[in-house]
């Protein structure tokens, strides 16, 4: 069973990234349900120092996949950029919305 692709995470300051997990993503567990401890981040619109240690192509940070990123790093990146205003996160990663906290998709 494959899971649908998550919508792009867009943060309050305009930063965005793809955050995926599942059977074909660099995630843990590598299944369709989670909850996930490690996820795959892809193609942020600008370089992000917190993600660089996980980059497949660190010399091309906006054209890279970031494998097995801890969920705490994803949450820290979202917080650093003012919280989410749009998008989806894999099961197990808390939604940190700009200005509020809610659980679940926007």
C-alpha atoms as a PDB file:
ATOM      1  CA  UNK A   1       0.000   0.000   0.000  1.00  0.00           C
ATOM      2  CA  UNK A   2       1.413   3.395  -0.978  1.00  0.00           C
ATOM      3  CA  UNK A   3       0.431   6.601   0.721  1.00  0.00           C
ATOM      4  CA  UNK A   4      -0.340   9.852  -1.065  1.00  0.00           C
ATOM      5  CA  UNK A   5       2.346  12.501  -1.399  1.00  0.00           C
ATOM      6  CA  UNK A   6       2.196  15.203   1.264  1.00  0.00           C
ATOM      7  CA  UNK A   7       1.548  18.768   0.164  1.00  0.00           C
ATOM      8  CA  UNK A   8       4.507  21.176   0.274  1.00  0.00           C
ATOM      9  CA  UNK A   9       5.181  22.666   3.726  1.00  0.00           C
ATOM     10  CA  UNK A  10       5.103  26.463   3.453  1.00  0.00           C
ATOM     11  CA  UNK A  11       6.288  28.542   6.405  1.00  0.00           C
ATOM     12  CA  UNK A  12       5.315  32.038   7.519  1.00  0.00           C
ATOM     13  CA  UNK A  13       8.522  33.625   6.181  1.00  0.00           C
ATOM     14  CA  UNK A  14       8.145  32.018   2.721  1.00  0.00           C
ATOM     15  CA  UNK A  15      10.512  29.100   3.283  1.00  0.00           C
ATOM     16  CA  UNK A  16       9.173  25.850   1.843  1.00  0.00           C
ATOM     17  CA  UNK A  17      10.156  22.197   1.654  1.00  0.00           C
ATOM     18  CA  UNK A  18       8.719  18.806   0.832  1.00  0.00           C
ATOM     19  CA  UNK A  19       8.441  16.424   3.805  1.00  0.00           C
ATOM     20  CA  UNK A  20       7.673  12.798   2.920  1.00  0.00           C
ATOM     21  CA  UNK A  21       7.707   9.364   4.542  1.00  0.00           C
ATOM     22  CA  UNK A  22       6.614   5.924   3.402  1.00  0.00           C
ATOM     23  CA  UNK A  23       7.673   2.773   1.633  1.00  0.00           C
ATOM     24  CA  UNK A  24       9.688   4.585  -1.061  1.00  0.00           C
ATOM     25  CA  UNK A  25      11.029   7.499   1.032  1.00  0.00           C
ATOM     26  CA  UNK A  26      14.194   7.744   3.114  1.00  0.00           C
ATOM     27  CA  UNK A  27      12.212   7.362   6.318  1.00  0.00           C
ATOM     28  CA  UNK A  28      11.921   5.224   9.416  1.00  0.00           C
ATOM     29  CA  UNK A  29       9.869   3.191   9.643  1.00  0.00           C
ATOM     30  CA  UNK A  30       9.701   2.515   5.946  1.00  0.00           C
ATOM     31  CA  UNK A  31       5.993   1.768   5.786  1.00  0.00           C
ATOM     32  CA  UNK A  32       2.794   3.529   4.767  1.00  0.00           C
ATOM     33  CA  UNK A  33       1.476   4.395   8.228  1.00  0.00           C
ATOM     34  CA  UNK A  34       4.192   5.498  10.677  1.00  0.00           C
ATOM     35  CA  UNK A  35       4.415   7.128  13.126  1.00  0.00           C
ATOM     36  CA  UNK A  36       7.700   8.268  11.657  1.00  0.00           C
ATOM     37  CA  UNK A  37      10.905   9.040  13.569  1.00  0.00           C
ATOM     38  CA  UNK A  38      12.977   9.904  10.491  1.00  0.00           C
ATOM     39  CA  UNK A  39      11.645  11.457   7.283  1.00  0.00           C
ATOM     40  CA  UNK A  40      12.728  12.597   3.841  1.00  0.00           C
ATOM     41  CA  UNK A  41      12.960  16.331   3.150  1.00  0.00           C
ATOM     42  CA  UNK A  42      13.337  17.579  -0.387  1.00  0.00           C
ATOM     43  CA  UNK A  43      14.047  20.623  -2.446  1.00  0.00           C
ATOM     44  CA  UNK A  44      13.799  23.537   0.001  1.00  0.00           C
ATOM     45  CA  UNK A  45      13.590  26.928  -1.687  1.00  0.00           C
ATOM     46  CA  UNK A  46      16.741  28.152   0.099  1.00  0.00           C
ATOM     47  CA  UNK A  47      19.679  26.648   1.955  1.00  0.00           C
ATOM     48  CA  UNK A  48      18.866  25.667   5.540  1.00  0.00           C
ATOM     49  CA  UNK A  49      21.795  24.992   7.889  1.00  0.00           C
ATOM     50  CA  UNK A  50      19.781  22.613  10.100  1.00  0.00           C
ATOM     51  CA  UNK A  51      19.160  20.326   7.118  1.00  0.00           C
ATOM     52  CA  UNK A  52      22.600  20.391   5.457  1.00  0.00           C
ATOM     53  CA  UNK A  53      24.049  17.433   7.424  1.00  0.00           C
ATOM     54  CA  UNK A  54      21.407  15.210   5.765  1.00  0.00           C
ATOM     55  CA  UNK A  55      21.806  16.473   2.175  1.00  0.00           C
ATOM     56  CA  UNK A  56      22.644  14.087  -0.654  1.00  0.00           C
ATOM     57  CA  UNK A  57      23.980  17.071  -2.623  1.00  0.00           C
ATOM     58  CA  UNK A  58      25.165  19.642  -0.015  1.00  0.00           C
ATOM     59  CA  UNK A  59      26.757  21.791  -2.730  1.00  0.00           C
ATOM     60  CA  UNK A  60      23.266  22.159  -4.301  1.00  0.00           C
ATOM     61  CA  UNK A  61      21.036  22.607  -1.227  1.00  0.00           C
ATOM     62  CA  UNK A  62      17.906  23.648  -3.130  1.00  0.00           C
ATOM     63  CA  UNK A  63      18.225  20.749  -5.574  1.00  0.00           C
ATOM     64  CA  UNK A  64      18.806  18.002  -3.042  1.00  0.00           C
ATOM     65  CA  UNK A  65      17.013  15.279  -1.143  1.00  0.00           C
ATOM     66  CA  UNK A  66      17.711  15.055   2.587  1.00  0.00           C
ATOM     67  CA  UNK A  67      17.382  11.507   3.858  1.00  0.00           C
ATOM     68  CA  UNK A  68      16.552  10.190   7.303  1.00  0.00           C
ATOM     69  CA  UNK A  69      16.028  13.616   8.884  1.00  0.00           C
ATOM     70  CA  UNK A  70      14.935  13.353  12.552  1.00  0.00           C
ATOM     71  CA  UNK A  71      11.451  14.672  13.211  1.00  0.00           C
ATOM     72  CA  UNK A  72      12.920  17.046  15.822  1.00  0.00           C
ATOM     73  CA  UNK A  73      15.001  18.703  13.069  1.00  0.00           C
ATOM     74  CA  UNK A  74      11.924  19.137  10.848  1.00  0.00           C
ATOM     75  CA  UNK A  75      10.059  20.747  13.757  1.00  0.00           C
ATOM     76  CA  UNK A  76      13.047  23.021  14.496  1.00  0.00           C
ATOM     77  CA  UNK A  77      13.228  24.126  10.840  1.00  0.00           C
ATOM     78  CA  UNK A  78       9.513  24.935  10.831  1.00  0.00           C
ATOM     79  CA  UNK A  79       9.839  26.895  14.093  1.00  0.00           C
ATOM     80  CA  UNK A  80      12.878  28.782  12.796  1.00  0.00           C
ATOM     81  CA  UNK A  81      10.844  29.925   9.793  1.00  0.00           C
ATOM     82  CA  UNK A  82       7.879  31.173  11.806  1.00  0.00           C
ATOM     83  CA  UNK A  83       5.656  28.089  11.718  1.00  0.00           C
ATOM     84  CA  UNK A  84       3.583  26.476   8.989  1.00  0.00           C
ATOM     85  CA  UNK A  85       0.912  28.296   7.075  1.00  0.00           C
ATOM     86  CA  UNK A  86       0.167  25.454   4.646  1.00  0.00           C
ATOM     87  CA  UNK A  87       1.056  21.845   3.904  1.00  0.00           C
ATOM     88  CA  UNK A  88       1.152  18.315   5.281  1.00  0.00           C
ATOM     89  CA  UNK A  89       3.520  16.401   7.537  1.00  0.00           C
ATOM     90  CA  UNK A  90       3.972  12.659   7.930  1.00  0.00           C
ATOM     91  CA  UNK A  91       2.299  10.897  10.849  1.00  0.00           C
ATOM     92  CA  UNK A  92       4.303  11.437  14.041  1.00  0.00           C
ATOM     93  CA  UNK A  93       5.535  14.980  13.347  1.00  0.00           C
ATOM     94  CA  UNK A  94       3.641  17.680  15.264  1.00  0.00           C
ATOM     95  CA  UNK A  95       2.098  20.503  13.261  1.00  0.00           C
ATOM     96  CA  UNK A  96       3.587  23.803  14.378  1.00  0.00           C
ATOM     97  CA  UNK A  97       1.392  26.471  12.831  1.00  0.00           C
ATOM     98  CA  UNK A  98       2.335  30.123  12.576  1.00  0.00           C
ATOM     99  CA  UNK A  99       0.940  31.778  15.686  1.00  0.00           C
ATOM    100  CA  UNK A 100      -0.896  28.700  17.053  1.00  0.00           C
ATOM    101  CA  UNK A 101      -0.601  24.988  17.655  1.00  0.00           C
ATOM    102  CA  UNK A 102      -3.063  22.545  16.144  1.00  0.00           C
ATOM    103  CA  UNK A 103      -2.857  18.817  15.616  1.00  0.00           C
ATOM    104  CA  UNK A 104      -3.440  17.588  12.083  1.00  0.00           C
ATOM    105  CA  UNK A 105      -3.520  18.953   8.553  1.00  0.00           C
ATOM    106  CA  UNK A 106      -4.362  22.552   7.774  1.00  0.00           C
END
